[in-house]
Amino acid sequence: MLWWFVSLIFVFNFGVRSSSPIVLSGFTGSVTMSILLNVLNTIEPGLGDEVHARRGPKPVSVTPFMRGGRVLFRGVYVAPPGEELRFRVTVVGESLGLKLLNGFDGVRSVGIGGVDASLELLGVEVLRVDDLWRVGGDRFRIEFLSPVRFAKRSTMGRRRRVRFDFCPSIVNILFTTINHYSSIVGLGNELKSWPYLLRWAYNYVYMRDMRGRVMATKHAGRPELGFLGSVAFEIVSKRQSRIQQLWHLLNYAELINVGTGKSMGFGVIKITTNQTPALHQNPQKYMS
C-alpha cells in the first residue's frame, strides 16, 4: 500500500488577532495560504516556496478566514481590533506536518495587508489515513462553505481559458478527490479500481436535493465563479466495498476541500449524515 509512506494527516486550527483593524476583501483563502507559506519559510528557508512551486495537487490546503463559523470569501470585511479570525490548515504527510508542528514556536506574528497580527495555534489533530475508513449513513448532505468549481479538460485540443463545471455531482466530487489522493497519498490496493467506483457512484448515489446558486468571488483581482450551497445524496446500493471506498474519500475530502483550487480554500465542505462516520474517533490530540 503506497499510503504507508504518507500515513499521517495533520489538521491545524489557527487564530489571528490584531490591535489594529484588518481590512479584508474578496476571497481570503489567498491570504491564509500566504500566511502558511510565510510561516513555512520562517521555519525552514525556502520550504514555503517549494510547496508553492509544486505543480499539480499540493500536500497542504487551507480554509479562508472564518468568523463565527462563516467563511469570508466575498465583499469587504473590516475585522475590528482584538477580534479573532480563524482558519484551518491541513497537511498530508508526516515530514511536512511535523516541521510545521515542531517549528511553530518560532513564529508569533504575521503580516496581513500591512497590519501586524498575532498568530496562535489553537489546536492540532493528527490522524492516520486508515482512520478515514469510517462508514457513514446511506443518506448524507454536503454543505459547501466556500465556492466550488471543477476544471474540465478539453477533448478537442488546447483551450486558452479553463472551462469550469459548477455542478456538485458525486462524480465531480469523487474524481477531484481521487486525483488529489492518488498524487499525495497513493491509491493502494483498496482504491486501485477507482474507475469502477465512479461508475458505481454514477448509478447508485442519487442526488436528492440541491440548494444554492452559482456566485462570484474576487480572487487575484478578477471574478471567480463557484457553486455555494448544499447537496443531499442517497446511496441506493448495498455493496459494502464500494460504500467503504466512497466514505473513505468523502472523509478525506472534508479535510482537504473539494474541486479546483482546493489548496487555497475553494470547496470547503461540511458533511452531515444519518449515521456519524466517527471521523475523529481516535486522533492523537497535541493541543486543544
C-alpha atoms as a PDB file:
ATOM      1  CA  MET A   1       0.000   0.000   0.000  1.00  0.00           C
ATOM      2  CA  LEU A   2       1.564   3.249  -1.158  1.00  0.00           C
ATOM      3  CA  TRP A   3      -0.019   5.304   1.581  1.00  0.00           C
ATOM      4  CA  TRP A   4       2.159   3.538   4.135  1.00  0.00           C
ATOM      5  CA  PHE A   5       4.675   6.263   3.250  1.00  0.00           C
ATOM      6  CA  VAL A   6       2.091   9.027   3.730  1.00  0.00           C
ATOM      7  CA  SER A   7       0.255   7.669   6.733  1.00  0.00           C
ATOM      8  CA  LEU A   8      -0.455  10.833   8.733  1.00  0.00           C
ATOM      9  CA  ILE A   9      -2.699  13.834   8.228  1.00  0.00           C
ATOM     10  CA  PHE A  10      -2.255  16.944  10.399  1.00  0.00           C
ATOM     11  CA  VAL A  11      -5.192  19.307  10.909  1.00  0.00           C
ATOM     12  CA  PHE A  12      -4.133  22.663  12.397  1.00  0.00           C
ATOM     13  CA  ASN A  13      -6.526  25.349  13.628  1.00  0.00           C
ATOM     14  CA  PHE A  14      -5.086  28.860  13.777  1.00  0.00           C
ATOM     15  CA  GLY A  15      -6.330  32.185  15.080  1.00  0.00           C
ATOM     16  CA  VAL A  16      -5.094  35.694  14.311  1.00  0.00           C
ATOM     17  CA  ARG A  17      -5.725  38.930  16.212  1.00  0.00           C
ATOM     18  CA  SER A  18      -4.506  42.450  15.734  1.00  0.00           C
ATOM     19  CA  SER A  19      -4.522  45.642  17.778  1.00  0.00           C
ATOM     20  CA  SER A  20      -5.417  47.492  14.567  1.00  0.00           C
ATOM     21  CA  PRO A  21      -8.330  46.961  12.167  1.00  0.00           C
ATOM     22  CA  ILE A  22      -7.709  44.393   9.430  1.00  0.00           C
ATOM     23  CA  VAL A  23      -9.331  45.118   6.070  1.00  0.00           C
ATOM     24  CA  LEU A  24     -10.167  42.007   4.073  1.00  0.00           C
ATOM     25  CA  SER A  25     -11.718  41.949   0.633  1.00  0.00           C
ATOM     26  CA  GLY A  26     -12.649  39.243  -1.811  1.00  0.00           C
ATOM     27  CA  PHE A  27     -11.539  35.641  -1.388  1.00  0.00           C
ATOM     28  CA  THR A  28      -9.481  35.402   1.811  1.00  0.00           C
ATOM     29  CA  GLY A  29      -8.126  31.921   1.089  1.00  0.00           C
ATOM     30  CA  SER A  30      -5.245  33.522  -0.780  1.00  0.00           C
ATOM     31  CA  VAL A  31      -4.419  35.460   2.408  1.00  0.00           C
ATOM     32  CA  THR A  32      -4.421  32.386   4.648  1.00  0.00           C
ATOM     33  CA  MET A  33      -2.328  30.459   2.106  1.00  0.00           C
ATOM     34  CA  SER A  34       0.164  33.330   2.060  1.00  0.00           C
ATOM     35  CA  ILE A  35       0.334  33.192   5.869  1.00  0.00           C
ATOM     36  CA  LEU A  36       1.022  29.448   5.743  1.00  0.00           C
ATOM     37  CA  LEU A  37       3.760  29.766   3.118  1.00  0.00           C
ATOM     38  CA  ASN A  38       5.448  32.589   5.056  1.00  0.00           C
ATOM     39  CA  VAL A  39       5.328  30.518   8.242  1.00  0.00           C
ATOM     40  CA  LEU A  40       6.919  27.565   6.433  1.00  0.00           C
ATOM     41  CA  ASN A  41       9.650  29.847   5.035  1.00  0.00           C
ATOM     42  CA  THR A  42      10.312  31.131   8.563  1.00  0.00           C
ATOM     43  CA  ILE A  43      10.595  27.596   9.922  1.00  0.00           C
ATOM     44  CA  GLU A  44      12.868  26.476   7.100  1.00  0.00           C
ATOM     45  CA  PRO A  45      14.086  28.939   4.437  1.00  0.00           C
ATOM     46  CA  GLY A  46      12.655  28.005   1.051  1.00  0.00           C
ATOM     47  CA  LEU A  47      10.181  25.449   2.392  1.00  0.00           C
ATOM     48  CA  GLY A  48       7.109  27.551   1.651  1.00  0.00           C
ATOM     49  CA  ASP A  49       8.468  28.462  -1.787  1.00  0.00           C
ATOM     50  CA  GLU A  50       8.963  24.765  -2.506  1.00  0.00           C
ATOM     51  CA  VAL A  51       5.371  23.960  -1.560  1.00  0.00           C
ATOM     52  CA  HIS A  52       4.062  26.881  -3.620  1.00  0.00           C
ATOM     53  CA  ALA A  53       6.075  25.872  -6.695  1.00  0.00           C
ATOM     54  CA  ARG A  54       4.869  22.287  -6.646  1.00  0.00           C
ATOM     55  CA  ARG A  55       2.915  21.524  -9.813  1.00  0.00           C
ATOM     56  CA  GLY A  56      -0.313  19.598  -9.534  1.00  0.00           C
ATOM     57  CA  PRO A  57      -2.009  18.723  -6.235  1.00  0.00           C
ATOM     58  CA  LYS A  58      -0.299  20.125  -3.150  1.00  0.00           C
ATOM     59  CA  PRO A  59       0.133  18.337   0.210  1.00  0.00           C
ATOM     60  CA  VAL A  60      -1.431  21.314   2.015  1.00  0.00           C
ATOM     61  CA  SER A  61      -4.792  23.049   1.959  1.00  0.00           C
ATOM     62  CA  VAL A  62      -6.275  25.973   3.843  1.00  0.00           C
ATOM     63  CA  THR A  63      -9.673  27.446   4.500  1.00  0.00           C
ATOM     64  CA  PRO A  64     -10.366  31.140   4.019  1.00  0.00           C
ATOM     65  CA  PHE A  65     -10.703  33.187   7.189  1.00  0.00           C
ATOM     66  CA  MET A  66     -13.734  32.186   9.221  1.00  0.00           C
ATOM     67  CA  ARG A  67     -15.733  34.371  11.573  1.00  0.00           C
ATOM     68  CA  GLY A  68     -18.473  32.834  13.678  1.00  0.00           C
ATOM     69  CA  GLY A  69     -18.441  29.720  11.500  1.00  0.00           C
ATOM     70  CA  ARG A  70     -18.926  31.773   8.327  1.00  0.00           C
ATOM     71  CA  VAL A  71     -16.291  31.781   5.603  1.00  0.00           C
ATOM     72  CA  LEU A  72     -15.128  35.216   4.416  1.00  0.00           C
ATOM     73  CA  PHE A  73     -14.907  34.975   0.653  1.00  0.00           C
ATOM     74  CA  ARG A  74     -16.647  37.978  -0.877  1.00  0.00           C
ATOM     75  CA  GLY A  75     -17.169  41.683  -0.332  1.00  0.00           C
ATOM     76  CA  VAL A  76     -15.206  43.791   2.145  1.00  0.00           C
ATOM     77  CA  TYR A  77     -14.929  42.962   5.825  1.00  0.00           C
ATOM     78  CA  VAL A  78     -13.117  45.035   8.454  1.00  0.00           C
ATOM     79  CA  ALA A  79     -12.051  42.974  11.452  1.00  0.00           C
ATOM     80  CA  PRO A  80     -12.059  45.296  14.481  1.00  0.00           C
ATOM     81  CA  PRO A  81      -9.081  45.362  16.881  1.00  0.00           C
ATOM     82  CA  GLY A  82      -8.917  42.273  19.066  1.00  0.00           C
ATOM     83  CA  GLU A  83     -11.356  40.173  17.027  1.00  0.00           C
ATOM     84  CA  GLU A  84     -10.160  36.651  16.349  1.00  0.00           C
ATOM     85  CA  LEU A  85     -10.219  35.323  12.799  1.00  0.00           C
ATOM     86  CA  ARG A  86      -9.753  31.596  12.394  1.00  0.00           C
ATOM     87  CA  PHE A  87      -8.590  29.333   9.598  1.00  0.00           C
ATOM     88  CA  ARG A  88      -7.711  25.680   9.169  1.00  0.00           C
ATOM     89  CA  VAL A  89      -4.593  24.186   7.618  1.00  0.00           C
ATOM     90  CA  THR A  90      -4.442  20.543   6.571  1.00  0.00           C
ATOM     91  CA  VAL A  91      -1.071  18.932   5.874  1.00  0.00           C
ATOM     92  CA  VAL A  92      -0.908  15.467   4.327  1.00  0.00           C
ATOM     93  CA  GLY A  93       2.393  13.776   5.126  1.00  0.00           C
ATOM     94  CA  GLU A  94       4.494  13.212   8.213  1.00  0.00           C
ATOM     95  CA  SER A  95       7.609  15.184   7.242  1.00  0.00           C
ATOM     96  CA  LEU A  96       5.930  18.499   6.422  1.00  0.00           C
ATOM     97  CA  GLY A  97       3.355  18.126   9.183  1.00  0.00           C
ATOM     98  CA  LEU A  98       5.995  17.611  11.858  1.00  0.00           C
ATOM     99  CA  LYS A  99       8.060  20.539  10.580  1.00  0.00           C
ATOM    100  CA  LEU A 100       5.071  22.837  10.981  1.00  0.00           C
ATOM    101  CA  LEU A 101       4.127  21.369  14.356  1.00  0.00           C
ATOM    102  CA  ASN A 102       7.614  21.467  15.846  1.00  0.00           C
ATOM    103  CA  GLY A 103       8.733  24.741  14.274  1.00  0.00           C
ATOM    104  CA  PHE A 104       5.700  26.852  15.035  1.00  0.00           C
ATOM    105  CA  ASP A 105       7.072  28.042  18.389  1.00  0.00           C
ATOM    106  CA  GLY A 106       9.416  30.327  16.475  1.00  0.00           C
ATOM    107  CA  VAL A 107       6.520  32.122  14.759  1.00  0.00           C
ATOM    108  CA  ARG A 108       4.381  34.535  16.700  1.00  0.00           C
ATOM    109  CA  SER A 109       3.254  37.255  14.285  1.00  0.00           C
ATOM    110  CA  VAL A 110       2.249  37.613  10.651  1.00  0.00           C
ATOM    111  CA  GLY A 111       1.518  40.484   8.310  1.00  0.00           C
ATOM    112  CA  ILE A 112      -1.979  40.857   6.843  1.00  0.00           C
ATOM    113  CA  GLY A 113      -2.404  43.719   4.401  1.00  0.00           C
ATOM    114  CA  GLY A 114       0.314  45.773   6.061  1.00  0.00           C
ATOM    115  CA  VAL A 115      -1.026  45.098   9.569  1.00  0.00           C
ATOM    116  CA  ASP A 116       0.939  43.058  12.106  1.00  0.00           C
ATOM    117  CA  ALA A 117      -1.190  40.393  13.761  1.00  0.00           C
ATOM    118  CA  SER A 118      -0.516  37.731  16.367  1.00  0.00           C
ATOM    119  CA  LEU A 119      -0.771  34.114  15.214  1.00  0.00           C
ATOM    120  CA  GLU A 120      -1.899  31.443  17.666  1.00  0.00           C
ATOM    121  CA  LEU A 121      -2.113  27.694  17.244  1.00  0.00           C
ATOM    122  CA  LEU A 122      -5.491  26.845  18.740  1.00  0.00           C
ATOM    123  CA  GLY A 123      -5.225  23.106  18.294  1.00  0.00           C
ATOM    124  CA  VAL A 124      -3.972  20.301  16.096  1.00  0.00           C
ATOM    125  CA  GLU A 125      -5.229  16.801  15.440  1.00  0.00           C
ATOM    126  CA  VAL A 126      -3.122  14.061  13.908  1.00  0.00           C
ATOM    127  CA  LEU A 127      -4.923  11.264  12.115  1.00  0.00           C
ATOM    128  CA  ARG A 128      -3.762   8.185  10.287  1.00  0.00           C
ATOM    129  CA  VAL A 129      -5.002   7.764   6.731  1.00  0.00           C
ATOM    130  CA  ASP A 130      -6.578   4.465   7.722  1.00  0.00           C
ATOM    131  CA  ASP A 131      -8.606   6.314  10.383  1.00  0.00           C
ATOM    132  CA  LEU A 132     -10.665   7.619   7.460  1.00  0.00           C
ATOM    133  CA  TRP A 133     -12.168   4.194   6.779  1.00  0.00           C
ATOM    134  CA  ARG A 134     -15.291   5.194   8.724  1.00  0.00           C
ATOM    135  CA  VAL A 135     -18.611   4.497   7.051  1.00  0.00           C
ATOM    136  CA  GLY A 136     -21.436   6.994   7.409  1.00  0.00           C
ATOM    137  CA  GLY A 137     -25.090   6.505   6.601  1.00  0.00           C
ATOM    138  CA  ASP A 138     -26.902   5.882   3.336  1.00  0.00           C
ATOM    139  CA  ARG A 139     -28.126   9.486   3.297  1.00  0.00           C
ATOM    140  CA  PHE A 140     -25.842  12.486   3.646  1.00  0.00           C
ATOM    141  CA  ARG A 141     -25.692  16.187   2.851  1.00  0.00           C
ATOM    142  CA  ILE A 142     -22.598  18.067   1.718  1.00  0.00           C
ATOM    143  CA  GLU A 143     -22.581  21.754   2.583  1.00  0.00           C
ATOM    144  CA  PHE A 144     -20.196  23.934   0.578  1.00  0.00           C
ATOM    145  CA  LEU A 145     -18.900  26.654   2.895  1.00  0.00           C
ATOM    146  CA  SER A 146     -16.853  28.301   0.144  1.00  0.00           C
ATOM    147  CA  PRO A 147     -17.461  28.291  -3.624  1.00  0.00           C
ATOM    148  CA  VAL A 148     -16.639  25.106  -5.514  1.00  0.00           C
ATOM    149  CA  ARG A 149     -15.828  24.601  -9.181  1.00  0.00           C
ATOM    150  CA  PHE A 150     -14.436  21.726 -11.247  1.00  0.00           C
ATOM    151  CA  ALA A 151     -11.978  22.342 -14.094  1.00  0.00           C
ATOM    152  CA  LYS A 152     -12.670  20.242 -17.182  1.00  0.00           C
ATOM    153  CA  ARG A 153     -10.116  19.054 -19.703  1.00  0.00           C
ATOM    154  CA  SER A 154     -10.620  19.815 -23.351  1.00  0.00           C
ATOM    155  CA  THR A 155     -11.455  16.927 -25.690  1.00  0.00           C
ATOM    156  CA  MET A 156     -10.657  18.991 -28.806  1.00  0.00           C
ATOM    157  CA  GLY A 157      -7.119  20.276 -28.451  1.00  0.00           C
ATOM    158  CA  ARG A 158      -5.886  23.043 -26.190  1.00  0.00           C
ATOM    159  CA  ARG A 159      -8.088  25.803 -24.835  1.00  0.00           C
ATOM    160  CA  ARG A 160      -6.789  29.223 -23.944  1.00  0.00           C
ATOM    161  CA  ARG A 161      -9.118  29.517 -20.981  1.00  0.00           C
ATOM    162  CA  VAL A 162     -10.056  26.992 -18.304  1.00  0.00           C
ATOM    163  CA  ARG A 163     -13.599  25.659 -18.558  1.00  0.00           C
ATOM    164  CA  PHE A 164     -15.328  25.051 -15.238  1.00  0.00           C
ATOM    165  CA  ASP A 165     -18.278  22.853 -14.323  1.00  0.00           C
ATOM    166  CA  PHE A 166     -20.220  24.173 -11.330  1.00  0.00           C
ATOM    167  CA  CYS A 167     -22.396  21.113 -10.686  1.00  0.00           C
ATOM    168  CA  PRO A 168     -21.511  19.449  -7.344  1.00  0.00           C
ATOM    169  CA  SER A 169     -22.323  15.951  -8.620  1.00  0.00           C
ATOM    170  CA  ILE A 170     -20.972  12.957  -6.733  1.00  0.00           C
ATOM    171  CA  VAL A 171     -18.810  12.038  -9.744  1.00  0.00           C
ATOM    172  CA  ASN A 172     -17.228  15.506  -9.868  1.00  0.00           C
ATOM    173  CA  ILE A 173     -16.591  15.397  -6.114  1.00  0.00           C
ATOM    174  CA  LEU A 174     -15.062  11.917  -6.179  1.00  0.00           C
ATOM    175  CA  PHE A 175     -12.965  12.470  -9.304  1.00  0.00           C
ATOM    176  CA  THR A 176     -11.162  15.551  -7.967  1.00  0.00           C
ATOM    177  CA  THR A 177     -10.697  13.861  -4.587  1.00  0.00           C
ATOM    178  CA  ILE A 178      -9.216  10.732  -6.177  1.00  0.00           C
ATOM    179  CA  ASN A 179      -6.859  12.914  -8.226  1.00  0.00           C
ATOM    180  CA  HIS A 180      -5.506  14.536  -5.065  1.00  0.00           C
ATOM    181  CA  TYR A 181      -5.434  11.272  -3.095  1.00  0.00           C
ATOM    182  CA  SER A 182      -3.545   9.373  -5.791  1.00  0.00           C
ATOM    183  CA  SER A 183      -0.930  12.133  -6.149  1.00  0.00           C
ATOM    184  CA  ILE A 184      -0.303  12.769  -2.453  1.00  0.00           C
ATOM    185  CA  VAL A 185      -1.222   9.553  -0.623  1.00  0.00           C
ATOM    186  CA  GLY A 186      -1.159   6.847  -3.289  1.00  0.00           C
ATOM    187  CA  LEU A 187      -4.130   4.676  -4.173  1.00  0.00           C
ATOM    188  CA  GLY A 188      -3.024   1.295  -2.795  1.00  0.00           C
ATOM    189  CA  ASN A 189      -4.972  -1.897  -3.351  1.00  0.00           C
ATOM    190  CA  GLU A 190      -8.171  -0.554  -1.766  1.00  0.00           C
ATOM    191  CA  LEU A 191      -8.712   2.169  -4.369  1.00  0.00           C
ATOM    192  CA  LYS A 192      -6.958   0.874  -7.468  1.00  0.00           C
ATOM    193  CA  SER A 193     -10.371   0.108  -9.002  1.00  0.00           C
ATOM    194  CA  TRP A 194     -11.446   3.774  -8.766  1.00  0.00           C
ATOM    195  CA  PRO A 195     -12.894   3.947 -12.340  1.00  0.00           C
ATOM    196  CA  TYR A 196     -15.393   1.271 -11.296  1.00  0.00           C
ATOM    197  CA  LEU A 197     -16.101   3.237  -8.121  1.00  0.00           C
ATOM    198  CA  LEU A 198     -17.013   6.285 -10.222  1.00  0.00           C
ATOM    199  CA  ARG A 199     -19.279   4.158 -12.412  1.00  0.00           C
ATOM    200  CA  TRP A 200     -20.935   2.688  -9.305  1.00  0.00           C
ATOM    201  CA  ALA A 201     -21.406   6.163  -7.769  1.00  0.00           C
ATOM    202  CA  TYR A 202     -22.896   7.497 -11.002  1.00  0.00           C
ATOM    203  CA  ASN A 203     -25.502   4.716 -10.957  1.00  0.00           C
ATOM    204  CA  TYR A 204     -26.177   4.220  -7.244  1.00  0.00           C
ATOM    205  CA  VAL A 205     -25.558   7.528  -5.423  1.00  0.00           C
ATOM    206  CA  TYR A 206     -28.587   9.689  -6.144  1.00  0.00           C
ATOM    207  CA  MET A 207     -28.750  13.465  -5.806  1.00  0.00           C
ATOM    208  CA  ARG A 208     -31.944  14.024  -3.799  1.00  0.00           C
ATOM    209  CA  ASP A 209     -31.818  17.763  -3.192  1.00  0.00           C
ATOM    210  CA  MET A 210     -29.714  20.762  -4.166  1.00  0.00           C
ATOM    211  CA  ARG A 211     -29.967  24.208  -2.601  1.00  0.00           C
ATOM    212  CA  GLY A 212     -27.808  27.123  -3.613  1.00  0.00           C
ATOM    213  CA  ARG A 213     -26.557  29.014  -6.617  1.00  0.00           C
ATOM    214  CA  VAL A 214     -23.504  29.903  -8.629  1.00  0.00           C
ATOM    215  CA  MET A 215     -21.994  33.112  -7.351  1.00  0.00           C
ATOM    216  CA  ALA A 216     -18.880  35.212  -7.834  1.00  0.00           C
ATOM    217  CA  THR A 217     -15.973  35.926  -5.544  1.00  0.00           C
ATOM    218  CA  LYS A 218     -12.979  38.111  -6.293  1.00  0.00           C
ATOM    219  CA  HIS A 219      -9.616  36.367  -6.388  1.00  0.00           C
ATOM    220  CA  ALA A 220      -6.290  37.724  -7.660  1.00  0.00           C
ATOM    221  CA  GLY A 221      -8.078  40.832  -8.935  1.00  0.00           C
ATOM    222  CA  ARG A 222     -10.591  39.010 -11.109  1.00  0.00           C
ATOM    223  CA  PRO A 223     -14.026  37.473 -10.507  1.00  0.00           C
ATOM    224  CA  GLU A 224     -14.211  33.711  -9.976  1.00  0.00           C
ATOM    225  CA  LEU A 225     -17.449  31.745 -10.106  1.00  0.00           C
ATOM    226  CA  GLY A 226     -18.390  28.775  -7.953  1.00  0.00           C
ATOM    227  CA  PHE A 227     -21.361  26.936  -6.517  1.00  0.00           C
ATOM    228  CA  LEU A 228     -22.322  27.765  -2.940  1.00  0.00           C
ATOM    229  CA  GLY A 229     -24.996  25.845  -1.074  1.00  0.00           C
ATOM    230  CA  SER A 230     -25.672  22.226  -0.170  1.00  0.00           C
ATOM    231  CA  VAL A 231     -26.489  18.942  -1.863  1.00  0.00           C
ATOM    232  CA  ALA A 232     -28.216  15.872  -0.410  1.00  0.00           C
ATOM    233  CA  PHE A 233     -27.316  12.375  -1.620  1.00  0.00           C
ATOM    234  CA  GLU A 234     -28.705   8.888  -1.045  1.00  0.00           C
ATOM    235  CA  ILE A 235     -26.877   5.587  -1.561  1.00  0.00           C
ATOM    236  CA  VAL A 236     -29.255   3.024  -3.090  1.00  0.00           C
ATOM    237  CA  SER A 237     -26.776   0.128  -3.165  1.00  0.00           C
ATOM    238  CA  LYS A 238     -25.834  -2.459  -0.542  1.00  0.00           C
ATOM    239  CA  ARG A 239     -22.371  -3.148  -1.940  1.00  0.00           C
ATOM    240  CA  GLN A 240     -20.255  -2.611   1.159  1.00  0.00           C
ATOM    241  CA  SER A 241     -16.864  -2.445  -0.566  1.00  0.00           C
ATOM    242  CA  ARG A 242     -17.974   0.498  -2.713  1.00  0.00           C
ATOM    243  CA  ILE A 243     -19.717   2.206   0.214  1.00  0.00           C
ATOM    244  CA  GLN A 244     -16.494   1.961   2.239  1.00  0.00           C
ATOM    245  CA  GLN A 245     -14.459   3.420  -0.626  1.00  0.00           C
ATOM    246  CA  LEU A 246     -16.983   6.226  -1.059  1.00  0.00           C
ATOM    247  CA  TRP A 247     -16.884   7.222   2.599  1.00  0.00           C
ATOM    248  CA  HIS A 248     -13.100   6.946   2.805  1.00  0.00           C
ATOM    249  CA  LEU A 249     -12.798   9.529   0.024  1.00  0.00           C
ATOM    250  CA  LEU A 250     -15.564  11.755   1.446  1.00  0.00           C
ATOM    251  CA  ASN A 251     -13.837  11.787   4.845  1.00  0.00           C
ATOM    252  CA  TYR A 252     -10.588  12.731   3.093  1.00  0.00           C
ATOM    253  CA  ALA A 253     -12.337  15.459   1.083  1.00  0.00           C
ATOM    254  CA  GLU A 254     -13.759  17.004   4.246  1.00  0.00           C
ATOM    255  CA  LEU A 255     -10.183  17.587   5.397  1.00  0.00           C
ATOM    256  CA  ILE A 256      -8.571  18.789   2.164  1.00  0.00           C
ATOM    257  CA  ASN A 257     -11.519  20.512   0.392  1.00  0.00           C
ATOM    258  CA  VAL A 258     -13.129  19.712  -2.964  1.00  0.00           C
ATOM    259  CA  GLY A 259     -12.736  20.748  -6.592  1.00  0.00           C
ATOM    260  CA  THR A 260     -10.290  23.051  -8.347  1.00  0.00           C
ATOM    261  CA  GLY A 261      -8.320  25.438  -6.127  1.00  0.00           C
ATOM    262  CA  LYS A 262      -8.871  23.327  -3.007  1.00  0.00           C
ATOM    263  CA  SER A 263      -5.382  24.083  -1.674  1.00  0.00           C
ATOM    264  CA  MET A 264      -6.203  27.803  -1.334  1.00  0.00           C
ATOM    265  CA  GLY A 265      -9.639  27.329   0.184  1.00  0.00           C
ATOM    266  CA  PHE A 266     -12.123  26.776  -2.612  1.00  0.00           C
ATOM    267  CA  GLY A 267     -14.570  23.952  -1.956  1.00  0.00           C
ATOM    268  CA  VAL A 268     -14.503  23.848   1.851  1.00  0.00           C
ATOM    269  CA  ILE A 269     -17.162  21.311   2.840  1.00  0.00           C
ATOM    270  CA  LYS A 270     -19.044  20.006   5.850  1.00  0.00           C
ATOM    271  CA  ILE A 271     -20.753  16.605   5.716  1.00  0.00           C
ATOM    272  CA  THR A 272     -23.743  15.600   7.810  1.00  0.00           C
ATOM    273  CA  THR A 273     -25.235  12.122   7.651  1.00  0.00           C
ATOM    274  CA  ASN A 274     -27.921   9.971   9.214  1.00  0.00           C
ATOM    275  CA  GLN A 275     -25.092   7.975  10.775  1.00  0.00           C
ATOM    276  CA  THR A 276     -21.964   9.548  12.255  1.00  0.00           C
ATOM    277  CA  PRO A 277     -18.859   8.274  10.432  1.00  0.00           C
ATOM    278  CA  ALA A 278     -16.686   8.812  13.538  1.00  0.00           C
ATOM    279  CA  LEU A 279     -14.009  10.592  11.545  1.00  0.00           C
ATOM    280  CA  HIS A 280     -12.145  11.809  14.632  1.00  0.00           C
ATOM    281  CA  GLN A 281     -12.723   8.716  16.751  1.00  0.00           C
ATOM    282  CA  ASN A 282      -9.136   8.207  17.887  1.00  0.00           C
ATOM    283  CA  PRO A 283      -6.973  11.088  16.685  1.00  0.00           C
ATOM    284  CA  GLN A 284      -3.824  11.991  18.602  1.00  0.00           C
ATOM    285  CA  LYS A 285      -4.525  15.385  20.166  1.00  0.00           C
ATOM    286  CA  TYR A 286      -1.448  17.518  20.726  1.00  0.00           C
ATOM    287  CA  MET A 287      -3.384  20.606  21.780  1.00  0.00           C
ATOM    288  CA  SER A 288      -6.988  21.572  22.412  1.00  0.00           C
END
